[in-house]
Amino acid sequence: MKENTTLWIVTTIIALHFVIGVGLLVYKILGAKSPEKAEQQDESTPS
């Protein structure tokens, strides 16, 4: 029984690590613009 519990804990940690990693990658690729980039784009667009 103890081996089964340990397996579930390890599997859960690996799965959470994978999900959080993918979520961070998606956030970095599609996420909010940093304030510096937003300012640069505002300055480059003619008014």
N, C-alpha and C. Protein backbone atom coordinates (compact mmCIF):
# COMPACT_ATOMS: atom_id res chain seq x y z
N MET A 1 0.83 -1.20 0.00
CA MET A 1 0.00 0.00 0.00
C MET A 1 0.87 1.26 0.00
N LYS A 2 1.96 1.24 0.78
CA LYS A 2 2.82 2.41 0.85
C LYS A 2 3.46 2.71 -0.50
N GLU A 3 3.84 1.68 -1.24
CA GLU A 3 4.45 1.88 -2.55
C GLU A 3 3.47 2.56 -3.51
N ASN A 4 2.21 2.20 -3.42
CA ASN A 4 1.19 2.80 -4.27
C ASN A 4 1.02 4.28 -3.95
N THR A 5 1.04 4.63 -2.68
CA THR A 5 0.92 6.03 -2.28
C THR A 5 2.12 6.83 -2.77
N THR A 6 3.30 6.28 -2.62
CA THR A 6 4.50 6.97 -3.09
C THR A 6 4.44 7.17 -4.60
N LEU A 7 3.99 6.18 -5.32
CA LEU A 7 3.85 6.29 -6.77
C LEU A 7 2.90 7.42 -7.15
N TRP A 8 1.77 7.51 -6.45
CA TRP A 8 0.81 8.58 -6.73
C TRP A 8 1.39 9.96 -6.43
N ILE A 9 2.15 10.07 -5.36
CA ILE A 9 2.75 11.37 -5.01
C ILE A 9 3.76 11.78 -6.08
N VAL A 10 4.62 10.86 -6.47
CA VAL A 10 5.63 11.17 -7.49
C VAL A 10 4.96 11.50 -8.83
N THR A 11 3.95 10.74 -9.21
CA THR A 11 3.24 10.99 -10.46
C THR A 11 2.56 12.35 -10.44
N THR A 12 1.96 12.70 -9.32
CA THR A 12 1.29 14.00 -9.20
C THR A 12 2.29 15.15 -9.31
N ILE A 13 3.43 15.01 -8.66
CA ILE A 13 4.45 16.06 -8.72
C ILE A 13 4.95 16.23 -10.15
N ILE A 14 5.20 15.13 -10.85
CA ILE A 14 5.67 15.21 -12.23
C ILE A 14 4.61 15.85 -13.12
N ALA A 15 3.36 15.47 -12.94
CA ALA A 15 2.27 16.02 -13.75
C ALA A 15 2.11 17.52 -13.49
N LEU A 16 2.16 17.94 -12.23
CA LEU A 16 2.05 19.36 -11.91
C LEU A 16 3.22 20.15 -12.48
N HIS A 17 4.41 19.58 -12.41
CA HIS A 17 5.59 20.22 -12.97
C HIS A 17 5.41 20.44 -14.47
N PHE A 18 4.89 19.45 -15.16
CA PHE A 18 4.65 19.55 -16.59
C PHE A 18 3.60 20.62 -16.90
N VAL A 19 2.49 20.60 -16.19
CA VAL A 19 1.41 21.55 -16.44
C VAL A 19 1.86 22.98 -16.16
N ILE A 20 2.56 23.19 -15.05
CA ILE A 20 3.04 24.53 -14.71
C ILE A 20 4.07 25.00 -15.75
N GLY A 21 4.95 24.10 -16.18
CA GLY A 21 5.94 24.46 -17.20
C GLY A 21 5.30 24.88 -18.50
N VAL A 22 4.33 24.12 -18.97
CA VAL A 22 3.63 24.46 -20.21
C VAL A 22 2.87 25.78 -20.02
N GLY A 23 2.26 25.97 -18.88
CA GLY A 23 1.54 27.21 -18.62
C GLY A 23 2.47 28.42 -18.64
N LEU A 24 3.64 28.30 -18.06
CA LEU A 24 4.60 29.41 -18.09
C LEU A 24 5.08 29.69 -19.50
N LEU A 25 5.32 28.66 -20.28
CA LEU A 25 5.74 28.87 -21.66
C LEU A 25 4.65 29.60 -22.46
N VAL A 26 3.41 29.19 -22.31
CA VAL A 26 2.32 29.83 -23.01
C VAL A 26 2.20 31.29 -22.55
N TYR A 27 2.36 31.54 -21.26
CA TYR A 27 2.28 32.90 -20.74
C TYR A 27 3.39 33.77 -21.33
N LYS A 28 4.60 33.22 -21.42
CA LYS A 28 5.71 33.99 -21.97
C LYS A 28 5.51 34.27 -23.45
N ILE A 29 4.95 33.33 -24.17
CA ILE A 29 4.76 33.51 -25.61
C ILE A 29 3.58 34.43 -25.90
N LEU A 30 2.47 34.21 -25.23
CA LEU A 30 1.24 34.94 -25.53
C LEU A 30 0.85 35.94 -24.46
N GLY A 31 1.59 35.98 -23.37
CA GLY A 31 1.20 36.74 -22.20
C GLY A 31 1.26 38.24 -22.37
N ALA A 32 1.07 38.91 -21.27
CA ALA A 32 1.02 40.36 -21.25
C ALA A 32 2.37 40.94 -21.65
N LYS A 33 2.31 42.12 -22.29
CA LYS A 33 3.53 42.81 -22.69
C LYS A 33 4.18 43.44 -21.47
N SER A 34 5.49 43.47 -21.48
CA SER A 34 6.19 44.14 -20.39
C SER A 34 6.03 45.65 -20.57
N PRO A 35 6.11 46.42 -19.51
CA PRO A 35 5.93 47.87 -19.62
C PRO A 35 6.94 48.52 -20.57
N GLU A 36 8.16 48.01 -20.62
CA GLU A 36 9.17 48.59 -21.51
C GLU A 36 8.77 48.42 -22.97
N LYS A 37 8.30 47.23 -23.34
CA LYS A 37 7.90 46.99 -24.72
C LYS A 37 6.66 47.82 -25.08
N ALA A 38 5.75 47.97 -24.17
CA ALA A 38 4.55 48.76 -24.42
C ALA A 38 4.91 50.21 -24.69
N GLU A 39 5.87 50.75 -23.91
CA GLU A 39 6.30 52.13 -24.10
C GLU A 39 6.98 52.30 -25.45
N GLN A 40 7.81 51.34 -25.84
CA GLN A 40 8.51 51.43 -27.12
C GLN A 40 7.51 51.41 -28.26
N GLN A 41 6.49 50.61 -28.18
CA GLN A 41 5.51 50.55 -29.25
C GLN A 41 4.69 51.84 -29.29
N ASP A 42 4.39 52.43 -28.15
CA ASP A 42 3.65 53.68 -28.10
C ASP A 42 4.44 54.80 -28.75
N GLU A 43 5.75 54.83 -28.51
CA GLU A 43 6.59 55.87 -29.05
C GLU A 43 6.78 55.71 -30.56
N SER A 44 6.78 54.48 -31.05
CA SER A 44 7.05 54.24 -32.46
C SER A 44 5.82 54.49 -33.34
N THR A 45 4.62 54.48 -32.77
CA THR A 45 3.42 54.71 -33.57
C THR A 45 3.17 56.20 -33.69
N PRO A 46 3.00 56.70 -34.91
CA PRO A 46 2.74 58.14 -35.07
C PRO A 46 1.36 58.52 -34.55
N SER A 47 1.27 59.70 -33.98
CA SER A 47 0.00 60.17 -33.43
C SER A 47 -0.76 60.98 -34.44
